[in-house]
Amino acid sequence: MNNKGMVLLETVVICSIVILILTVCYYPFYSVVREDDSNSEYDSIENIYKLNNVRDFIYKYVGFNNILDSKDELGKELVSINGLNITNDTEDISNKYKNLLNILDIKYIYVCDYEINDIDSLQLNNNFIEYLDYVNGELADDVDPNNVSIYRLVAQFGDETYASIRMWKET
C-alpha cells in the first residue's frame, strides 16, 4: 500500500516539473513566433526582388536624380512615384512603368529619406506607417545616418505586404 502512495507522489512531482518546464519554455518561444508572424508581411525575398526590378528600371529609364529633384522641390521626406510622366524621343516610358507596377502587383510605391523623422505626420494607412516605423529602426551596419545620398524605395503590394530597398543618388 505504501508503494502505491509513493508512485502517486512521484507522478505528481514529475508532472509538476514537466508543466513548469513547458510553461517556462512556452513564453519566450511564443513571443518569437508572434514577432515572426507579424514580420512575415515585411521584406519577403520575392517582394525585394520585385522592388529591385523597379529600382533597375528607374536607374535605366527615369534617372533617380530626376525623382530626387522633384522630391526636393516638394520638400517632403516621402514622395509617391506611382504615376511617373516620362517620355523620351522614341517611347512612352510612363506606360512601361505603369505596366511594370501592375505586373509586379505594386499598389503604392514611394521614395523617401533613409531615416524618416516624423512618420506619424504622414497621410498613410496605419499598416504602412507601422512598416515605416519598423524599417526606420533597422539601420544597417554599413549605412552612415549622416550620409544624405542614401534613400529608400518603399512599396505596398496588392497582398498588403511591404518591402523596401536602398537607393543611392546617381553621380
N, C-alpha and C. Protein backbone atom coordinates (compact mmCIF):
# COMPACT_ATOMS: atom_id res chain seq x y z
N MET A 1 0.80 -1.18 0.00
CA MET A 1 0.00 0.00 0.00
C MET A 1 0.85 1.26 0.00
N ASN A 2 1.98 1.23 0.68
CA ASN A 2 2.87 2.39 0.70
C ASN A 2 3.48 2.65 -0.67
N ASN A 3 3.72 1.58 -1.44
CA ASN A 3 4.30 1.77 -2.77
C ASN A 3 3.35 2.54 -3.68
N LYS A 4 2.05 2.27 -3.55
CA LYS A 4 1.09 2.98 -4.39
C LYS A 4 1.08 4.47 -4.06
N GLY A 5 1.19 4.83 -2.82
CA GLY A 5 1.24 6.24 -2.42
C GLY A 5 2.50 6.92 -2.92
N MET A 6 3.61 6.20 -2.89
CA MET A 6 4.88 6.75 -3.35
C MET A 6 4.86 6.96 -4.87
N VAL A 7 4.28 6.01 -5.60
CA VAL A 7 4.19 6.13 -7.06
C VAL A 7 3.32 7.34 -7.42
N LEU A 8 2.22 7.52 -6.72
CA LEU A 8 1.35 8.65 -6.96
C LEU A 8 2.08 9.97 -6.68
N LEU A 9 2.82 10.04 -5.59
CA LEU A 9 3.58 11.24 -5.24
C LEU A 9 4.65 11.53 -6.30
N GLU A 10 5.37 10.50 -6.74
CA GLU A 10 6.38 10.69 -7.78
C GLU A 10 5.75 11.16 -9.09
N THR A 11 4.61 10.61 -9.44
CA THR A 11 3.92 11.02 -10.66
C THR A 11 3.49 12.48 -10.59
N VAL A 12 2.97 12.92 -9.48
CA VAL A 12 2.55 14.31 -9.30
C VAL A 12 3.76 15.24 -9.38
N VAL A 13 4.86 14.87 -8.75
CA VAL A 13 6.07 15.70 -8.76
C VAL A 13 6.62 15.81 -10.19
N ILE A 14 6.71 14.69 -10.89
CA ILE A 14 7.23 14.69 -12.27
C ILE A 14 6.33 15.51 -13.18
N CYS A 15 5.02 15.33 -13.07
CA CYS A 15 4.08 16.12 -13.88
C CYS A 15 4.22 17.61 -13.57
N SER A 16 4.39 17.97 -12.33
CA SER A 16 4.56 19.38 -11.96
C SER A 16 5.84 19.95 -12.57
N ILE A 17 6.91 19.18 -12.53
CA ILE A 17 8.18 19.64 -13.10
C ILE A 17 8.05 19.81 -14.62
N VAL A 18 7.41 18.85 -15.29
CA VAL A 18 7.24 18.94 -16.74
C VAL A 18 6.38 20.15 -17.10
N ILE A 19 5.30 20.37 -16.37
CA ILE A 19 4.44 21.53 -16.63
C ILE A 19 5.20 22.83 -16.40
N LEU A 20 6.00 22.88 -15.36
CA LEU A 20 6.80 24.07 -15.09
C LEU A 20 7.80 24.33 -16.23
N ILE A 21 8.47 23.30 -16.69
CA ILE A 21 9.44 23.45 -17.78
C ILE A 21 8.73 23.91 -19.07
N LEU A 22 7.60 23.29 -19.38
CA LEU A 22 6.85 23.69 -20.58
C LEU A 22 6.37 25.14 -20.49
N THR A 23 5.93 25.55 -19.32
CA THR A 23 5.47 26.92 -19.13
C THR A 23 6.62 27.91 -19.30
N VAL A 24 7.76 27.59 -18.72
CA VAL A 24 8.92 28.48 -18.82
C VAL A 24 9.40 28.57 -20.27
N CYS A 25 9.35 27.50 -21.02
CA CYS A 25 9.80 27.50 -22.41
C CYS A 25 8.78 28.10 -23.37
N TYR A 26 7.51 28.05 -23.01
CA TYR A 26 6.45 28.48 -23.91
C TYR A 26 6.50 29.99 -24.18
N TYR A 27 6.64 30.79 -23.15
CA TYR A 27 6.54 32.24 -23.32
C TYR A 27 7.63 32.82 -24.21
N PRO A 28 8.90 32.48 -24.04
CA PRO A 28 9.90 33.02 -24.99
C PRO A 28 9.67 32.51 -26.42
N PHE A 29 9.30 31.26 -26.57
CA PHE A 29 9.05 30.70 -27.88
C PHE A 29 7.84 31.38 -28.53
N TYR A 30 6.79 31.60 -27.77
CA TYR A 30 5.59 32.23 -28.29
C TYR A 30 5.87 33.66 -28.76
N SER A 31 6.67 34.41 -28.00
CA SER A 31 6.97 35.79 -28.42
C SER A 31 7.78 35.81 -29.71
N VAL A 32 8.66 34.84 -29.91
CA VAL A 32 9.43 34.76 -31.16
C VAL A 32 8.50 34.42 -32.32
N VAL A 33 7.61 33.47 -32.13
CA VAL A 33 6.67 33.09 -33.18
C VAL A 33 5.73 34.24 -33.51
N ARG A 34 5.25 34.93 -32.50
CA ARG A 34 4.35 36.06 -32.71
C ARG A 34 5.06 37.17 -33.48
N GLU A 35 6.31 37.47 -33.13
CA GLU A 35 7.07 38.50 -33.85
C GLU A 35 7.34 38.06 -35.28
N ASP A 36 7.64 36.80 -35.47
CA ASP A 36 7.88 36.29 -36.82
C ASP A 36 6.62 36.38 -37.66
N ASP A 37 5.47 36.08 -37.08
CA ASP A 37 4.20 36.19 -37.82
C ASP A 37 3.93 37.63 -38.21
N SER A 38 4.18 38.57 -37.31
CA SER A 38 3.91 39.96 -37.65
C SER A 38 4.90 40.47 -38.69
N ASN A 39 6.12 39.95 -38.70
CA ASN A 39 7.12 40.40 -39.66
C ASN A 39 7.05 39.65 -40.98
N SER A 40 6.19 38.65 -41.09
CA SER A 40 6.08 37.92 -42.35
C SER A 40 5.51 38.79 -43.45
N GLU A 41 4.86 39.89 -43.07
CA GLU A 41 4.33 40.84 -44.05
C GLU A 41 5.41 41.79 -44.54
N TYR A 42 6.58 41.75 -43.93
CA TYR A 42 7.63 42.71 -44.23
C TYR A 42 8.80 42.06 -44.95
N ASP A 43 9.24 42.68 -46.02
CA ASP A 43 10.50 42.38 -46.69
C ASP A 43 10.69 40.92 -47.08
N SER A 44 9.70 40.33 -47.72
CA SER A 44 9.90 38.97 -48.22
C SER A 44 10.88 39.02 -49.39
N ILE A 45 11.56 37.94 -49.62
CA ILE A 45 12.56 37.88 -50.69
C ILE A 45 11.91 38.18 -52.04
N GLU A 46 10.73 37.64 -52.26
CA GLU A 46 10.02 37.87 -53.53
C GLU A 46 9.74 39.36 -53.74
N ASN A 47 9.29 40.03 -52.70
CA ASN A 47 8.98 41.46 -52.82
C ASN A 47 10.25 42.30 -52.99
N ILE A 48 11.32 41.90 -52.35
CA ILE A 48 12.58 42.63 -52.52
C ILE A 48 13.07 42.50 -53.96
N TYR A 49 12.93 41.32 -54.54
CA TYR A 49 13.29 41.15 -55.95
C TYR A 49 12.41 42.00 -56.86
N LYS A 50 11.14 42.08 -56.54
CA LYS A 50 10.25 42.93 -57.34
C LYS A 50 10.68 44.38 -57.27
N LEU A 51 10.99 44.84 -56.06
CA LEU A 51 11.44 46.23 -55.91
C LEU A 51 12.78 46.46 -56.61
N ASN A 52 13.62 45.46 -56.61
CA ASN A 52 14.90 45.59 -57.30
C ASN A 52 14.68 45.82 -58.80
N ASN A 53 13.67 45.14 -59.37
CA ASN A 53 13.34 45.37 -60.78
C ASN A 53 12.89 46.81 -61.01
N VAL A 54 12.09 47.34 -60.10
CA VAL A 54 11.65 48.73 -60.23
C VAL A 54 12.84 49.67 -60.10
N ARG A 55 13.71 49.39 -59.15
CA ARG A 55 14.90 50.23 -58.97
C ARG A 55 15.75 50.23 -60.24
N ASP A 56 15.98 49.06 -60.82
CA ASP A 56 16.75 48.98 -62.07
C ASP A 56 16.08 49.79 -63.18
N PHE A 57 14.75 49.69 -63.27
CA PHE A 57 14.01 50.44 -64.28
C PHE A 57 14.20 51.94 -64.08
N ILE A 58 14.10 52.38 -62.83
CA ILE A 58 14.25 53.81 -62.53
C ILE A 58 15.64 54.29 -62.91
N TYR A 59 16.66 53.54 -62.52
CA TYR A 59 18.02 53.95 -62.86
C TYR A 59 18.24 53.97 -64.38
N LYS A 60 17.66 53.00 -65.08
CA LYS A 60 17.92 52.88 -66.52
C LYS A 60 17.12 53.88 -67.35
N TYR A 61 15.85 54.05 -67.06
CA TYR A 61 14.97 54.83 -67.92
C TYR A 61 14.58 56.20 -67.37
N VAL A 62 14.47 56.31 -66.06
CA VAL A 62 13.93 57.53 -65.47
C VAL A 62 15.04 58.45 -64.98
N GLY A 63 16.00 57.89 -64.30
CA GLY A 63 17.04 58.68 -63.65
C GLY A 63 16.60 59.02 -62.24
N PHE A 64 17.27 58.42 -61.27
CA PHE A 64 16.87 58.63 -59.88
C PHE A 64 17.05 60.08 -59.46
N ASN A 65 18.04 60.76 -59.99
CA ASN A 65 18.23 62.17 -59.63
C ASN A 65 17.04 63.03 -60.05
N ASN A 66 16.36 62.67 -61.14
CA ASN A 66 15.17 63.40 -61.55
C ASN A 66 14.07 63.28 -60.50
N ILE A 67 13.92 62.08 -59.94
CA ILE A 67 12.93 61.87 -58.88
C ILE A 67 13.32 62.66 -57.64
N LEU A 68 14.61 62.64 -57.31
CA LEU A 68 15.07 63.38 -56.13
C LEU A 68 14.87 64.88 -56.29
N ASP A 69 15.06 65.38 -57.50
CA ASP A 69 14.83 66.81 -57.74
C ASP A 69 13.37 67.16 -57.48
N SER A 70 12.45 66.30 -57.93
CA SER A 70 11.02 66.52 -57.68
C SER A 70 10.72 66.43 -56.19
N LYS A 71 11.35 65.46 -55.52
CA LYS A 71 11.16 65.29 -54.08
C LYS A 71 11.64 66.52 -53.33
N ASP A 72 12.80 67.05 -53.72
CA ASP A 72 13.34 68.23 -53.05
C ASP A 72 12.47 69.46 -53.29
N GLU A 73 11.90 69.57 -54.50
CA GLU A 73 11.01 70.70 -54.80
C GLU A 73 9.78 70.67 -53.90
N LEU A 74 9.27 69.48 -53.63
CA LEU A 74 8.10 69.36 -52.77
C LEU A 74 8.45 69.53 -51.30
N GLY A 75 9.72 69.32 -50.95
CA GLY A 75 10.16 69.48 -49.58
C GLY A 75 9.62 68.43 -48.63
N LYS A 76 9.40 67.22 -49.12
CA LYS A 76 8.84 66.15 -48.29
C LYS A 76 9.86 65.04 -48.09
N GLU A 77 9.68 64.31 -46.97
CA GLU A 77 10.55 63.17 -46.70
C GLU A 77 10.13 61.94 -47.51
N LEU A 78 8.85 61.88 -47.90
CA LEU A 78 8.31 60.72 -48.59
C LEU A 78 7.47 61.20 -49.76
N VAL A 79 7.78 60.69 -50.97
CA VAL A 79 7.09 61.13 -52.17
C VAL A 79 6.60 59.91 -52.95
N SER A 80 5.33 59.95 -53.36
CA SER A 80 4.76 58.86 -54.16
C SER A 80 5.31 58.93 -55.58
N ILE A 81 5.68 57.77 -56.10
CA ILE A 81 6.11 57.70 -57.50
C ILE A 81 5.27 56.67 -58.25
N ASN A 82 3.99 56.57 -57.88
CA ASN A 82 3.08 55.65 -58.58
C ASN A 82 2.90 56.05 -60.03
N GLY A 83 2.71 57.32 -60.29
CA GLY A 83 2.49 57.77 -61.66
C GLY A 83 3.60 58.70 -62.11
N LEU A 84 4.57 58.16 -62.82
CA LEU A 84 5.64 59.00 -63.36
C LEU A 84 5.29 59.34 -64.80
N ASN A 85 5.38 60.59 -65.15
CA ASN A 85 5.11 61.03 -66.52
C ASN A 85 6.44 61.32 -67.22
N ILE A 86 6.96 60.31 -67.86
CA ILE A 86 8.25 60.42 -68.52
C ILE A 86 8.12 59.94 -69.96
N THR A 87 8.61 60.72 -70.87
CA THR A 87 8.68 60.28 -72.27
C THR A 87 10.04 60.70 -72.80
N ASN A 88 10.53 59.91 -73.73
CA ASN A 88 11.71 60.34 -74.46
C ASN A 88 11.36 60.35 -75.93
N ASP A 89 12.32 60.51 -76.78
CA ASP A 89 12.05 60.68 -78.21
C ASP A 89 11.40 59.47 -78.87
N THR A 90 11.67 58.27 -78.36
CA THR A 90 11.24 57.08 -79.09
C THR A 90 10.12 56.30 -78.42
N GLU A 91 9.93 56.45 -77.13
CA GLU A 91 8.93 55.59 -76.47
C GLU A 91 8.32 56.29 -75.27
N ASP A 92 7.17 55.80 -74.89
CA ASP A 92 6.47 56.32 -73.73
C ASP A 92 6.87 55.48 -72.52
N ILE A 93 7.75 56.00 -71.71
CA ILE A 93 8.26 55.26 -70.56
C ILE A 93 7.20 55.17 -69.46
N SER A 94 6.31 56.15 -69.39
CA SER A 94 5.27 56.14 -68.35
C SER A 94 4.42 54.88 -68.43
N ASN A 95 4.02 54.49 -69.64
CA ASN A 95 3.21 53.28 -69.79
C ASN A 95 4.00 52.03 -69.42
N LYS A 96 5.27 51.98 -69.80
CA LYS A 96 6.10 50.84 -69.41
C LYS A 96 6.20 50.75 -67.89
N TYR A 97 6.36 51.89 -67.25
CA TYR A 97 6.47 51.93 -65.79
C TYR A 97 5.18 51.45 -65.14
N LYS A 98 4.04 51.95 -65.62
CA LYS A 98 2.75 51.53 -65.07
C LYS A 98 2.53 50.03 -65.28
N ASN A 99 2.91 49.53 -66.45
CA ASN A 99 2.79 48.09 -66.71
C ASN A 99 3.67 47.29 -65.77
N LEU A 100 4.87 47.78 -65.53
CA LEU A 100 5.78 47.09 -64.60
C LEU A 100 5.17 47.02 -63.21
N LEU A 101 4.61 48.12 -62.73
CA LEU A 101 3.98 48.13 -61.41
C LEU A 101 2.79 47.17 -61.37
N ASN A 102 2.01 47.10 -62.45
CA ASN A 102 0.87 46.18 -62.49
C ASN A 102 1.33 44.74 -62.50
N ILE A 103 2.33 44.43 -63.30
CA ILE A 103 2.83 43.05 -63.37
C ILE A 103 3.39 42.60 -62.03
N LEU A 104 4.08 43.51 -61.34
CA LEU A 104 4.69 43.17 -60.05
C LEU A 104 3.70 43.30 -58.89
N ASP A 105 2.45 43.68 -59.17
CA ASP A 105 1.40 43.82 -58.17
C ASP A 105 1.77 44.83 -57.08
N ILE A 106 2.34 45.95 -57.51
CA ILE A 106 2.70 47.01 -56.58
C ILE A 106 1.55 48.00 -56.52
N LYS A 107 1.00 48.15 -55.32
CA LYS A 107 -0.16 49.01 -55.12
C LYS A 107 0.28 50.47 -54.93
N TYR A 108 1.25 50.69 -54.06
CA TYR A 108 1.79 52.03 -53.80
C TYR A 108 3.30 51.93 -53.75
N ILE A 109 3.97 52.95 -54.27
CA ILE A 109 5.43 52.97 -54.24
C ILE A 109 5.89 54.38 -53.93
N TYR A 110 6.89 54.49 -53.07
CA TYR A 110 7.37 55.78 -52.61
C TYR A 110 8.89 55.80 -52.61
N VAL A 111 9.43 57.01 -52.70
CA VAL A 111 10.84 57.27 -52.43
C VAL A 111 10.87 58.12 -51.18
N CYS A 112 11.73 57.74 -50.24
CA CYS A 112 11.81 58.51 -49.01
C CYS A 112 13.26 58.59 -48.53
N ASP A 113 13.50 59.49 -47.59
CA ASP A 113 14.80 59.56 -46.95
C ASP A 113 15.06 58.24 -46.24
N TYR A 114 16.33 57.92 -46.05
CA TYR A 114 16.64 56.64 -45.40
C TYR A 114 16.10 56.62 -43.98
N GLU A 115 16.22 57.72 -43.28
CA GLU A 115 15.65 57.86 -41.94
C GLU A 115 14.54 58.90 -42.02
N ILE A 116 13.33 58.50 -41.69
CA ILE A 116 12.19 59.43 -41.70
C ILE A 116 12.01 59.94 -40.28
N ASN A 117 12.01 61.26 -40.13
CA ASN A 117 11.96 61.85 -38.80
C ASN A 117 10.57 61.89 -38.20
N ASP A 118 9.56 62.20 -39.00
CA ASP A 118 8.21 62.41 -38.47
C ASP A 118 7.22 61.49 -39.18
N ILE A 119 7.26 60.20 -38.84
CA ILE A 119 6.42 59.21 -39.51
C ILE A 119 4.94 59.45 -39.26
N ASP A 120 4.61 59.84 -38.04
CA ASP A 120 3.19 59.97 -37.68
C ASP A 120 2.48 61.08 -38.45
N SER A 121 3.21 62.03 -38.99
CA SER A 121 2.56 63.13 -39.71
C SER A 121 2.21 62.75 -41.15
N LEU A 122 2.66 61.58 -41.61
CA LEU A 122 2.41 61.17 -42.99
C LEU A 122 0.95 60.74 -43.15
N GLN A 123 0.37 61.06 -44.29
CA GLN A 123 -1.02 60.72 -44.57
C GLN A 123 -1.09 59.35 -45.23
N LEU A 124 -0.83 58.30 -44.46
CA LEU A 124 -0.83 56.93 -44.96
C LEU A 124 -1.68 56.07 -44.04
N ASN A 125 -2.00 54.85 -44.51
CA ASN A 125 -2.77 53.96 -43.63
C ASN A 125 -1.88 53.47 -42.49
N ASN A 126 -2.51 53.00 -41.43
CA ASN A 126 -1.78 52.62 -40.21
C ASN A 126 -0.78 51.49 -40.45
N ASN A 127 -1.13 50.51 -41.29
CA ASN A 127 -0.20 49.41 -41.55
C ASN A 127 1.06 49.90 -42.24
N PHE A 128 0.92 50.83 -43.17
CA PHE A 128 2.09 51.37 -43.86
C PHE A 128 2.95 52.17 -42.89
N ILE A 129 2.32 52.93 -42.01
CA ILE A 129 3.07 53.69 -41.00
C ILE A 129 3.81 52.75 -40.06
N GLU A 130 3.17 51.63 -39.67
CA GLU A 130 3.85 50.63 -38.82
C GLU A 130 5.06 50.05 -39.53
N TYR A 131 4.92 49.80 -40.84
CA TYR A 131 6.06 49.27 -41.60
C TYR A 131 7.19 50.30 -41.65
N LEU A 132 6.86 51.55 -41.93
CA LEU A 132 7.90 52.59 -41.98
C LEU A 132 8.58 52.74 -40.63
N ASP A 133 7.82 52.62 -39.57
CA ASP A 133 8.40 52.67 -38.23
C ASP A 133 9.34 51.49 -38.01
N TYR A 134 8.96 50.33 -38.52
CA TYR A 134 9.78 49.11 -38.42
C TYR A 134 11.10 49.29 -39.16
N VAL A 135 11.05 49.76 -40.41
CA VAL A 135 12.29 49.89 -41.19
C VAL A 135 13.11 51.08 -40.72
N ASN A 136 12.48 52.06 -40.12
CA ASN A 136 13.23 53.21 -39.60
C ASN A 136 14.18 52.78 -38.50
N GLY A 137 13.79 51.79 -37.72
CA GLY A 137 14.66 51.30 -36.65
C GLY A 137 15.70 50.31 -37.12
N GLU A 138 15.62 49.89 -38.37
CA GLU A 138 16.53 48.89 -38.93
C GLU A 138 17.67 49.57 -39.68
N LEU A 139 18.49 50.33 -38.98
CA LEU A 139 19.62 50.99 -39.62
C LEU A 139 20.72 49.96 -39.83
N ALA A 140 21.05 49.71 -41.06
CA ALA A 140 22.08 48.71 -41.39
C ALA A 140 23.44 49.16 -40.88
N ASP A 141 24.28 48.18 -40.59
CA ASP A 141 25.61 48.47 -40.05
C ASP A 141 26.46 49.28 -41.02
N ASP A 142 26.26 49.08 -42.31
CA ASP A 142 27.10 49.75 -43.30
C ASP A 142 26.52 51.08 -43.78
N VAL A 143 25.50 51.58 -43.10
CA VAL A 143 24.87 52.84 -43.51
C VAL A 143 25.23 53.92 -42.51
N ASP A 144 25.78 55.00 -43.01
CA ASP A 144 26.07 56.17 -42.19
C ASP A 144 24.81 57.03 -42.16
N PRO A 145 24.20 57.24 -40.98
CA PRO A 145 22.95 58.01 -40.92
C PRO A 145 23.13 59.46 -41.38
N ASN A 146 24.36 59.95 -41.42
CA ASN A 146 24.60 61.32 -41.86
C ASN A 146 24.80 61.42 -43.37
N ASN A 147 24.81 60.28 -44.05
CA ASN A 147 25.00 60.27 -45.50
C ASN A 147 23.67 60.64 -46.16
N VAL A 148 23.63 61.81 -46.76
CA VAL A 148 22.38 62.31 -47.32
C VAL A 148 22.10 61.76 -48.71
N SER A 149 22.97 60.93 -49.24
CA SER A 149 22.75 60.41 -50.59
C SER A 149 22.12 59.02 -50.59
N ILE A 150 21.67 58.54 -49.43
CA ILE A 150 21.02 57.24 -49.34
C ILE A 150 19.53 57.44 -49.11
N TYR A 151 18.73 56.73 -49.89
CA TYR A 151 17.27 56.83 -49.82
C TYR A 151 16.68 55.42 -49.78
N ARG A 152 15.37 55.36 -49.60
CA ARG A 152 14.65 54.09 -49.63
C ARG A 152 13.61 54.12 -50.74
N LEU A 153 13.46 52.98 -51.38
CA LEU A 153 12.34 52.74 -52.28
C LEU A 153 11.41 51.82 -51.50
N VAL A 154 10.21 52.28 -51.18
CA VAL A 154 9.29 51.55 -50.31
C VAL A 154 8.02 51.26 -51.09
N ALA A 155 7.50 50.03 -50.94
CA ALA A 155 6.30 49.66 -51.68
C ALA A 155 5.33 48.86 -50.82
N GLN A 156 4.05 49.06 -51.13
CA GLN A 156 2.99 48.21 -50.60
C GLN A 156 2.46 47.41 -51.78
N PHE A 157 2.36 46.11 -51.59
CA PHE A 157 1.94 45.23 -52.66
C PHE A 157 0.45 44.92 -52.53
N GLY A 158 -0.11 44.34 -53.57
CA GLY A 158 -1.53 44.05 -53.61
C GLY A 158 -2.01 43.12 -52.51
N ASP A 159 -1.11 42.26 -52.01
CA ASP A 159 -1.49 41.34 -50.93
C ASP A 159 -1.25 41.94 -49.55
N GLU A 160 -1.14 43.27 -49.49
CA GLU A 160 -0.94 44.02 -48.23
C GLU A 160 0.36 43.66 -47.53
N THR A 161 1.40 43.32 -48.29
CA THR A 161 2.74 43.13 -47.74
C THR A 161 3.57 44.34 -48.14
N TYR A 162 4.74 44.47 -47.52
CA TYR A 162 5.56 45.65 -47.71
C TYR A 162 7.02 45.24 -47.91
N ALA A 163 7.76 46.10 -48.60
CA ALA A 163 9.20 45.88 -48.76
C ALA A 163 9.87 47.22 -49.04
N SER A 164 11.15 47.26 -48.76
CA SER A 164 11.93 48.46 -49.08
C SER A 164 13.35 48.04 -49.43
N ILE A 165 13.97 48.84 -50.28
CA ILE A 165 15.38 48.64 -50.62
C ILE A 165 16.04 50.01 -50.68
N ARG A 166 17.35 50.00 -50.59
CA ARG A 166 18.11 51.25 -50.63
C ARG A 166 18.29 51.73 -52.07
N MET A 167 18.37 53.06 -52.18
CA MET A 167 18.73 53.68 -53.46
C MET A 167 19.76 54.76 -53.15
N TRP A 168 20.66 54.97 -54.10
CA TRP A 168 21.68 55.98 -53.94
C TRP A 168 21.54 57.04 -55.01
N LYS A 169 21.90 58.25 -54.63
CA LYS A 169 21.92 59.35 -55.59
C LYS A 169 22.95 59.03 -56.66
N GLU A 170 22.55 59.24 -57.92
CA GLU A 170 23.45 58.96 -59.03
C GLU A 170 24.54 60.01 -59.08
N THR A 171 25.74 59.57 -59.46
CA THR A 171 26.86 60.52 -59.55
C THR A 171 27.11 60.94 -60.97
